[in-house]
N, C-alpha and C. Protein backbone atom coordinates (compact mmCIF):
# COMPACT_ATOMS: atom_id res chain seq x y z
N MET A 1 -191.50 34.82 143.59
CA MET A 1 -190.15 35.51 143.33
C MET A 1 -189.78 36.32 144.13
N ASP A 2 -188.18 36.33 144.77
CA ASP A 2 -187.89 37.08 145.71
C ASP A 2 -187.76 38.44 145.09
N SER A 3 -188.12 39.75 146.12
CA SER A 3 -187.93 41.05 145.99
C SER A 3 -186.27 40.92 146.29
N GLU A 4 -185.59 42.43 146.08
CA GLU A 4 -184.16 42.55 145.77
C GLU A 4 -184.25 42.64 147.79
N TRP A 5 -185.10 43.17 148.47
CA TRP A 5 -184.91 43.65 149.74
C TRP A 5 -184.75 42.21 150.25
N GLU A 6 -185.57 41.19 149.99
CA GLU A 6 -185.65 39.67 150.60
C GLU A 6 -184.04 39.14 150.08
N LYS A 7 -183.71 39.37 149.17
CA LYS A 7 -182.28 38.89 148.51
C LYS A 7 -181.35 39.58 149.63
N LEU A 8 -181.10 40.70 149.99
CA LEU A 8 -180.29 41.39 150.39
C LEU A 8 -180.45 40.85 152.09
N VAL A 9 -181.55 40.46 152.28
CA VAL A 9 -181.77 40.24 153.89
C VAL A 9 -181.12 38.62 154.04
N LYS A 10 -181.42 37.57 153.09
CA LYS A 10 -180.91 36.53 153.05
C LYS A 10 -179.33 36.54 152.98
N ARG A 11 -178.93 37.23 152.31
CA ARG A 11 -177.31 37.39 151.76
C ARG A 11 -176.69 38.03 153.01
N TYR A 12 -177.21 39.13 153.99
CA TYR A 12 -176.42 39.83 154.59
C TYR A 12 -176.92 39.66 156.15
N VAL A 13 -178.16 39.51 156.41
CA VAL A 13 -178.74 39.51 157.55
C VAL A 13 -178.94 37.91 158.06
N TRP A 14 -179.59 37.19 157.40
CA TRP A 14 -179.89 35.84 157.55
C TRP A 14 -179.36 34.94 157.04
N ASN A 15 -178.55 33.80 157.16
CA ASN A 15 -177.83 33.00 155.84
C ASN A 15 -178.07 31.88 157.20
N ASP A 16 -178.43 30.47 156.63
CA ASP A 16 -178.57 29.53 157.46
C ASP A 16 -176.77 29.34 157.73
N GLU A 17 -176.01 29.37 157.04
CA GLU A 17 -174.94 28.91 156.93
C GLU A 17 -173.86 29.94 157.85
N ARG A 18 -174.04 31.28 157.42
CA ARG A 18 -173.03 32.68 158.20
C ARG A 18 -173.87 32.92 159.44
N THR A 19 -175.13 32.77 159.52
CA THR A 19 -175.63 33.37 160.78
C THR A 19 -176.59 32.45 161.42
N PRO A 20 -176.04 31.40 161.75
CA PRO A 20 -176.91 30.32 162.42
C PRO A 20 -177.23 30.28 164.04
N TYR A 21 -177.41 31.57 164.42
CA TYR A 21 -177.65 31.89 165.79
C TYR A 21 -179.00 31.42 166.56
N PHE A 22 -179.68 30.53 165.62
CA PHE A 22 -181.17 29.89 166.45
C PHE A 22 -181.00 28.19 166.05
N THR A 23 -179.64 28.10 165.35
CA THR A 23 -179.46 26.28 165.33
C THR A 23 -178.89 25.88 166.52
N ARG A 24 -179.36 25.12 166.86
CA ARG A 24 -179.01 24.24 168.31
C ARG A 24 -177.53 23.91 168.09
N VAL A 25 -176.92 23.99 168.89
CA VAL A 25 -175.26 23.59 169.04
C VAL A 25 -175.01 22.23 168.73
N ALA A 26 -175.65 21.12 169.02
CA ALA A 26 -175.54 20.10 168.67
C ALA A 26 -175.74 19.74 167.29
N ASN A 27 -176.66 20.80 166.48
CA ASN A 27 -176.85 20.65 165.12
C ASN A 27 -176.22 21.29 164.27
N LEU A 28 -175.27 22.37 164.64
CA LEU A 28 -174.26 22.74 163.85
C LEU A 28 -173.41 22.38 163.22
N SER A 29 -173.08 22.92 161.97
CA SER A 29 -171.74 22.15 161.39
C SER A 29 -170.76 22.91 161.70
N ARG A 30 -169.00 22.38 161.37
CA ARG A 30 -167.99 22.99 161.80
C ARG A 30 -167.98 24.46 161.25
N ARG A 31 -168.59 24.72 160.06
CA ARG A 31 -168.21 25.82 159.17
C ARG A 31 -169.37 26.84 159.80
N GLN A 32 -170.42 26.40 160.20
CA GLN A 32 -171.64 27.08 161.05
C GLN A 32 -170.70 27.70 162.18
N ALA A 33 -170.48 26.73 163.01
CA ALA A 33 -169.46 27.23 164.50
C ALA A 33 -168.68 28.16 164.08
N HIS A 34 -167.78 28.10 162.64
CA HIS A 34 -166.93 28.80 162.76
C HIS A 34 -167.33 30.16 162.40
N TYR A 35 -167.99 30.56 161.63
CA TYR A 35 -168.75 31.91 161.47
C TYR A 35 -169.09 32.53 162.60
N GLU A 36 -169.85 31.42 163.56
CA GLU A 36 -170.49 32.25 164.77
C GLU A 36 -169.25 32.76 165.69
N LEU A 37 -168.20 31.75 166.00
CA LEU A 37 -167.15 32.27 166.71
C LEU A 37 -166.61 33.18 166.16
N PHE A 38 -166.13 33.28 165.14
CA PHE A 38 -165.34 34.22 164.35
C PHE A 38 -166.42 35.81 164.41
N GLY A 39 -167.64 35.78 164.07
CA GLY A 39 -168.21 36.76 164.42
C GLY A 39 -168.23 37.64 165.91
N TYR A 40 -168.51 36.46 166.85
CA TYR A 40 -168.35 36.97 168.32
C TYR A 40 -167.07 37.42 168.51
N ALA A 41 -166.00 36.82 168.14
CA ALA A 41 -164.50 37.18 168.77
C ALA A 41 -164.33 38.33 168.08
N LEU A 42 -164.75 38.80 166.66
CA LEU A 42 -164.50 39.86 166.21
C LEU A 42 -165.09 41.12 166.80
N LEU A 43 -166.31 40.91 167.28
CA LEU A 43 -167.23 41.93 167.82
C LEU A 43 -166.70 42.32 169.30
N VAL A 44 -166.31 41.31 169.83
CA VAL A 44 -165.67 41.28 171.43
C VAL A 44 -164.40 41.77 171.62
N GLY A 45 -163.50 41.45 170.28
CA GLY A 45 -161.94 41.97 170.37
C GLY A 45 -161.94 43.19 170.14
N VAL A 46 -162.97 43.59 169.04
CA VAL A 46 -163.05 45.41 168.83
C VAL A 46 -163.48 46.05 169.99
N LEU A 47 -164.57 45.51 170.64
CA LEU A 47 -164.99 46.34 171.86
C LEU A 47 -163.98 46.30 172.84
N ALA A 48 -163.23 45.11 173.33
CA ALA A 48 -162.28 45.25 174.19
C ALA A 48 -161.26 46.04 173.94
N GLY A 49 -160.82 45.97 172.53
CA GLY A 49 -159.52 46.60 172.27
C GLY A 49 -159.80 48.33 172.50
N VAL A 50 -160.76 48.70 172.22
CA VAL A 50 -161.39 49.96 171.87
C VAL A 50 -161.22 50.42 173.73
N LEU A 51 -162.02 49.63 174.23
CA LEU A 51 -162.12 49.61 175.52
C LEU A 51 -160.72 49.86 176.57
N SER A 52 -160.18 49.26 176.31
CA SER A 52 -158.67 49.27 176.75
C SER A 52 -157.81 50.26 176.47
N VAL A 53 -158.14 51.09 175.54
CA VAL A 53 -157.43 52.35 175.37
C VAL A 53 -158.09 53.48 176.04
N ALA A 54 -159.65 53.33 175.61
CA ALA A 54 -160.53 54.25 176.18
C ALA A 54 -160.61 54.72 178.04
N ALA A 55 -160.18 53.41 178.50
CA ALA A 55 -160.30 53.31 180.04
C ALA A 55 -159.22 54.12 180.76
N LEU A 56 -158.08 54.27 179.72
CA LEU A 56 -156.87 55.47 180.32
C LEU A 56 -157.13 56.79 180.29
N SER A 57 -158.38 56.85 179.71
CA SER A 57 -158.47 58.47 179.81
C SER A 57 -159.17 59.17 181.13
N VAL A 58 -158.52 60.09 181.22
CA VAL A 58 -158.76 60.75 182.43
C VAL A 58 -160.11 61.35 182.83
N GLY A 59 -160.64 61.55 181.55
CA GLY A 59 -162.10 62.37 181.28
C GLY A 59 -163.30 61.32 181.76
N LEU A 60 -163.01 60.19 181.63
CA LEU A 60 -163.66 59.30 182.17
C LEU A 60 -164.48 59.49 183.76
N PRO A 61 -165.39 58.86 184.40
CA PRO A 61 -166.20 59.25 185.72
C PRO A 61 -164.62 58.21 186.76
N HIS A 62 -164.11 57.41 186.57
CA HIS A 62 -163.53 56.70 187.45
C HIS A 62 -162.02 57.16 187.06
N ALA A 63 -161.93 57.84 186.11
CA ALA A 63 -160.19 58.87 186.05
C ALA A 63 -159.13 57.52 185.92
N ASP A 64 -159.06 57.27 184.72
CA ASP A 64 -157.47 56.75 184.53
C ASP A 64 -157.44 55.17 185.20
N ALA A 65 -158.18 54.26 185.06
CA ALA A 65 -158.73 53.08 186.08
C ALA A 65 -157.69 52.13 184.99
N GLY A 66 -156.21 51.81 185.80
CA GLY A 66 -155.53 50.92 184.51
C GLY A 66 -156.20 49.49 185.00
N GLY A 67 -156.65 49.20 185.94
CA GLY A 67 -157.19 47.50 186.15
C GLY A 67 -158.44 47.61 185.17
N VAL A 68 -159.10 48.53 184.86
CA VAL A 68 -159.96 48.37 184.02
C VAL A 68 -159.33 48.18 182.32
N SER A 69 -158.38 48.62 182.22
CA SER A 69 -157.89 48.70 180.83
C SER A 69 -156.85 47.29 180.61
N LEU A 70 -156.27 47.10 181.81
CA LEU A 70 -155.59 45.54 181.64
C LEU A 70 -156.76 44.59 181.22
N TYR A 71 -158.20 44.55 182.06
CA TYR A 71 -158.74 43.49 182.12
C TYR A 71 -159.63 43.76 180.38
N ALA A 72 -159.57 44.93 180.02
CA ALA A 72 -159.93 44.73 178.77
C ALA A 72 -159.07 44.48 177.63
N PHE A 73 -157.87 44.33 177.75
CA PHE A 73 -156.87 44.30 177.01
C PHE A 73 -156.75 42.40 177.27
N THR A 74 -156.65 42.00 178.14
CA THR A 74 -156.95 40.31 178.22
C THR A 74 -158.37 39.88 177.58
N VAL A 75 -159.26 40.32 177.66
CA VAL A 75 -160.36 40.14 176.85
C VAL A 75 -160.07 40.02 175.29
N CYS A 76 -159.45 41.19 174.93
CA CYS A 76 -159.34 41.59 173.52
C CYS A 76 -158.20 40.28 173.21
N CYS A 77 -157.28 40.09 173.67
CA CYS A 77 -156.16 38.89 173.59
C CYS A 77 -157.04 37.35 173.64
N ALA A 78 -157.94 37.14 174.48
CA ALA A 78 -158.69 36.21 174.42
C ALA A 78 -159.52 36.23 173.34
N ALA A 79 -160.35 37.35 172.77
CA ALA A 79 -161.13 37.04 171.60
C ALA A 79 -160.12 36.91 170.48
N ILE A 80 -158.96 37.36 170.53
CA ILE A 80 -158.02 36.95 169.26
C ILE A 80 -157.81 35.53 169.44
N LEU A 81 -157.59 34.82 170.33
CA LEU A 81 -157.31 33.33 170.64
C LEU A 81 -158.59 32.62 170.37
N LEU A 82 -159.70 33.37 170.72
CA LEU A 82 -161.03 32.63 170.42
C LEU A 82 -161.05 32.45 168.65
N GLY A 83 -160.86 33.58 168.46
CA GLY A 83 -160.95 33.29 166.60
C GLY A 83 -160.14 32.57 166.07
N ALA A 84 -158.73 32.39 166.55
CA ALA A 84 -157.63 31.59 165.99
C ALA A 84 -157.78 30.11 166.50
N THR A 85 -158.28 30.05 167.85
CA THR A 85 -158.03 28.81 168.01
C THR A 85 -159.38 27.70 168.41
N ARG A 86 -160.58 28.56 168.74
CA ARG A 86 -161.70 28.21 169.28
C ARG A 86 -161.66 27.39 170.43
N HIS A 87 -160.50 27.86 171.25
CA HIS A 87 -160.50 27.27 172.62
C HIS A 87 -161.58 27.51 173.81
N PRO A 88 -161.83 26.61 174.31
CA PRO A 88 -163.16 27.00 175.45
C PRO A 88 -162.93 27.76 176.51
N TRP A 89 -161.66 27.58 176.64
CA TRP A 89 -160.89 28.64 177.72
C TRP A 89 -161.07 30.29 177.38
N ALA A 90 -160.83 30.23 175.99
CA ALA A 90 -160.94 31.54 175.64
C ALA A 90 -162.23 32.24 175.79
N ALA A 91 -163.18 31.41 175.12
CA ALA A 91 -164.49 31.81 174.72
C ALA A 91 -165.00 32.01 176.33
N LEU A 92 -164.70 31.36 177.35
CA LEU A 92 -164.97 31.47 178.75
C LEU A 92 -164.69 32.80 179.47
N TRP A 93 -163.49 33.25 178.84
CA TRP A 93 -162.84 34.86 179.28
C TRP A 93 -163.55 35.67 178.86
N CYS A 94 -163.98 35.56 177.47
CA CYS A 94 -164.73 36.50 176.68
C CYS A 94 -166.04 36.63 177.42
N ALA A 95 -166.58 35.89 177.64
CA ALA A 95 -167.85 35.54 178.15
C ALA A 95 -167.93 36.34 179.77
N SER A 96 -166.85 36.49 180.39
CA SER A 96 -166.82 37.09 181.48
C SER A 96 -166.76 38.46 181.48
N ALA A 97 -166.60 39.15 180.19
CA ALA A 97 -166.86 40.46 179.88
C ALA A 97 -168.13 41.12 180.15
N PRO A 98 -169.21 40.42 180.18
CA PRO A 98 -170.49 41.19 180.19
C PRO A 98 -170.88 41.17 181.94
N LEU A 99 -170.44 40.03 182.50
CA LEU A 99 -170.52 40.10 183.83
C LEU A 99 -169.60 41.17 184.44
N ALA A 100 -168.40 41.49 183.88
CA ALA A 100 -167.50 42.49 184.27
C ALA A 100 -168.25 43.93 184.12
N LEU A 101 -168.79 44.12 182.98
CA LEU A 101 -169.53 45.24 182.63
C LEU A 101 -170.65 45.57 183.79
N LEU A 102 -171.38 44.57 184.11
CA LEU A 102 -172.11 44.77 185.08
C LEU A 102 -171.89 44.87 186.38
N ALA A 103 -170.69 44.37 186.54
CA ALA A 103 -169.82 44.80 188.02
C ALA A 103 -169.43 46.53 187.91
N TYR A 104 -168.94 46.89 186.79
CA TYR A 104 -168.34 47.88 186.65
C TYR A 104 -169.57 49.24 186.98
N PHE A 105 -170.81 48.76 186.43
CA PHE A 105 -171.88 49.49 186.84
C PHE A 105 -172.07 49.47 187.82
N ALA A 106 -172.13 48.64 188.91
CA ALA A 106 -172.37 48.33 189.92
C ALA A 106 -171.57 49.18 191.33
N VAL A 107 -170.23 48.94 190.60
CA VAL A 107 -169.48 49.57 191.66
C VAL A 107 -168.85 51.18 191.17
N TRP A 108 -169.02 51.59 189.67
CA TRP A 108 -168.57 52.76 189.69
C TRP A 108 -169.63 53.45 188.95
N GLY A 109 -170.72 53.02 188.66
CA GLY A 109 -171.93 53.19 188.59
C GLY A 109 -172.01 54.05 186.87
N PHE A 110 -172.86 54.74 186.41
CA PHE A 110 -173.21 55.34 184.94
C PHE A 110 -172.64 56.71 185.07
N HIS A 111 -172.28 57.19 183.50
CA HIS A 111 -172.14 58.28 183.11
C HIS A 111 -172.79 59.27 183.67
N PRO A 112 -172.75 60.36 184.44
CA PRO A 112 -173.48 61.29 185.11
C PRO A 112 -174.59 61.72 183.85
N ALA A 113 -174.51 62.10 182.75
CA ALA A 113 -175.12 62.29 181.85
C ALA A 113 -175.92 61.67 181.02
N LEU A 114 -176.03 60.24 181.68
CA LEU A 114 -177.10 59.47 180.83
C LEU A 114 -178.30 59.31 181.94
N GLU A 115 -179.34 59.22 180.83
CA GLU A 115 -180.65 59.38 181.48
C GLU A 115 -181.07 57.80 181.87
N SER A 116 -182.37 57.72 182.81
CA SER A 116 -182.59 56.69 183.33
C SER A 116 -182.81 55.28 182.18
N LEU A 117 -183.62 56.05 180.82
CA LEU A 117 -183.90 54.89 179.82
C LEU A 117 -182.55 54.54 179.32
N GLU A 118 -181.35 55.23 179.17
CA GLU A 118 -180.33 54.67 178.47
C GLU A 118 -179.52 53.64 179.49
N LYS A 119 -179.62 54.13 180.91
CA LYS A 119 -178.92 53.15 181.75
C LYS A 119 -179.68 51.82 181.72
N VAL A 120 -181.20 51.87 181.65
CA VAL A 120 -181.69 50.56 181.54
C VAL A 120 -181.35 49.80 180.38
N LEU A 121 -180.97 50.59 179.29
CA LEU A 121 -180.78 50.05 177.89
C LEU A 121 -179.27 49.30 177.91
N LEU A 122 -178.37 50.03 178.57
CA LEU A 122 -176.98 49.39 178.77
C LEU A 122 -177.16 48.12 179.54
N VAL A 123 -177.76 48.16 180.87
CA VAL A 123 -177.77 46.82 181.54
C VAL A 123 -178.90 45.84 180.29
N LEU A 124 -179.49 46.17 180.26
CA LEU A 124 -180.35 44.90 179.12
C LEU A 124 -179.59 44.30 178.04
N ILE A 125 -178.59 45.38 177.51
CA ILE A 125 -177.60 45.26 176.51
C ILE A 125 -176.52 44.04 177.05
N ALA A 126 -175.98 44.52 178.42
CA ALA A 126 -175.19 43.41 179.04
C ALA A 126 -175.66 42.14 179.48
N VAL A 127 -177.02 42.14 179.54
CA VAL A 127 -177.48 41.08 179.97
C VAL A 127 -177.95 40.30 178.81
N VAL A 128 -178.21 40.69 177.74
CA VAL A 128 -178.63 39.66 176.64
C VAL A 128 -176.87 39.44 176.13
N TRP A 129 -176.01 40.34 176.06
CA TRP A 129 -174.95 39.84 175.88
C TRP A 129 -174.38 38.58 176.66
N LEU A 130 -174.39 38.69 178.11
CA LEU A 130 -174.06 37.49 178.77
C LEU A 130 -175.07 36.38 178.50
N LEU A 131 -176.28 36.21 178.22
CA LEU A 131 -176.76 35.28 177.48
C LEU A 131 -176.41 34.42 176.33
N TYR A 132 -176.39 35.62 175.38
CA TYR A 132 -175.22 35.10 174.15
C TYR A 132 -174.08 34.43 174.45
N SER A 133 -173.63 34.80 175.26
CA SER A 133 -171.97 34.40 175.47
C SER A 133 -171.96 33.15 176.00
N ARG A 134 -172.95 32.72 176.52
CA ARG A 134 -173.36 31.22 177.07
C ARG A 134 -173.19 30.16 176.22
N ARG A 135 -173.79 30.67 174.94
CA ARG A 135 -173.92 29.86 173.75
C ARG A 135 -172.33 29.64 173.33
N THR A 136 -171.99 30.97 172.96
CA THR A 136 -170.44 30.91 172.51
C THR A 136 -169.53 30.05 173.26
N VAL A 137 -169.86 29.62 174.58
CA VAL A 137 -168.79 28.72 175.43
C VAL A 137 -169.44 27.64 175.09
N ALA A 138 -170.64 27.21 174.77
CA ALA A 138 -171.09 25.81 174.33
C ALA A 138 -170.34 25.63 172.87
N VAL A 139 -170.71 26.29 172.31
CA VAL A 139 -170.17 26.40 170.72
C VAL A 139 -168.97 25.82 170.68
N ALA A 140 -167.66 26.58 171.48
CA ALA A 140 -166.40 26.43 171.70
C ALA A 140 -166.17 25.02 172.20
N ARG A 141 -166.88 24.92 173.08
CA ARG A 141 -166.86 23.62 173.89
C ARG A 141 -167.28 22.12 172.78
N ALA A 142 -168.10 22.41 171.99
CA ALA A 142 -168.49 21.33 171.25
C ALA A 142 -167.54 21.45 169.95
N TRP A 143 -166.92 22.20 169.54
CA TRP A 143 -166.00 22.26 168.32
C TRP A 143 -165.42 20.86 167.83
N GLU A 144 -164.68 20.50 168.93
CA GLU A 144 -164.03 19.27 168.52
C GLU A 144 -165.09 18.15 168.11
N GLY A 145 -166.15 18.04 168.28
CA GLY A 145 -167.07 17.08 167.86
C GLY A 145 -167.93 17.27 166.76
N LEU A 146 -168.05 18.56 166.07
CA LEU A 146 -168.81 19.11 165.10
C LEU A 146 -168.23 18.36 163.96
N SER A 147 -168.95 18.21 162.98
CA SER A 147 -168.74 17.44 161.80
C SER A 147 -168.73 18.67 160.80
N GLY A 148 -168.33 18.24 159.76
CA GLY A 148 -168.08 18.99 158.61
C GLY A 148 -166.57 19.65 158.23
N PRO A 149 -166.36 20.34 157.14
CA PRO A 149 -165.10 21.13 157.01
C PRO A 149 -165.10 22.21 157.67
N ASP A 150 -163.81 22.64 158.12
CA ASP A 150 -163.89 24.13 158.81
C ASP A 150 -164.13 25.17 157.90
């Protein structure tokens, strides 16, 4: 008999259909791929949308970088296209975001108030995001050949 906690985990955290992150791309159904691409597009779109506005702030260390804002806006647009069309080029452009983040850290550095552990954590998050982005590109490329209903 499942406990309430186990039911909540199965319903919201781990579901074979809605969270198929450890299923090989070749074994995904179209519905599983849809959920995975939609979740990724939503996360990247929101992050990029917020960043596109926040990068215009004069309070950030690089002070009003229009190029960063423009790039983040294009990533937000690509995320919307990825969620709507599942096109591999949109997935590829979204996948460039963690590389751009690492490049940003290399060029402009980190906020001066951050501790070393926080800097390491940010780089680690960007690397994990980059590794996962490879999967989303593979899912988008495989979309046409996947079986099952959308």
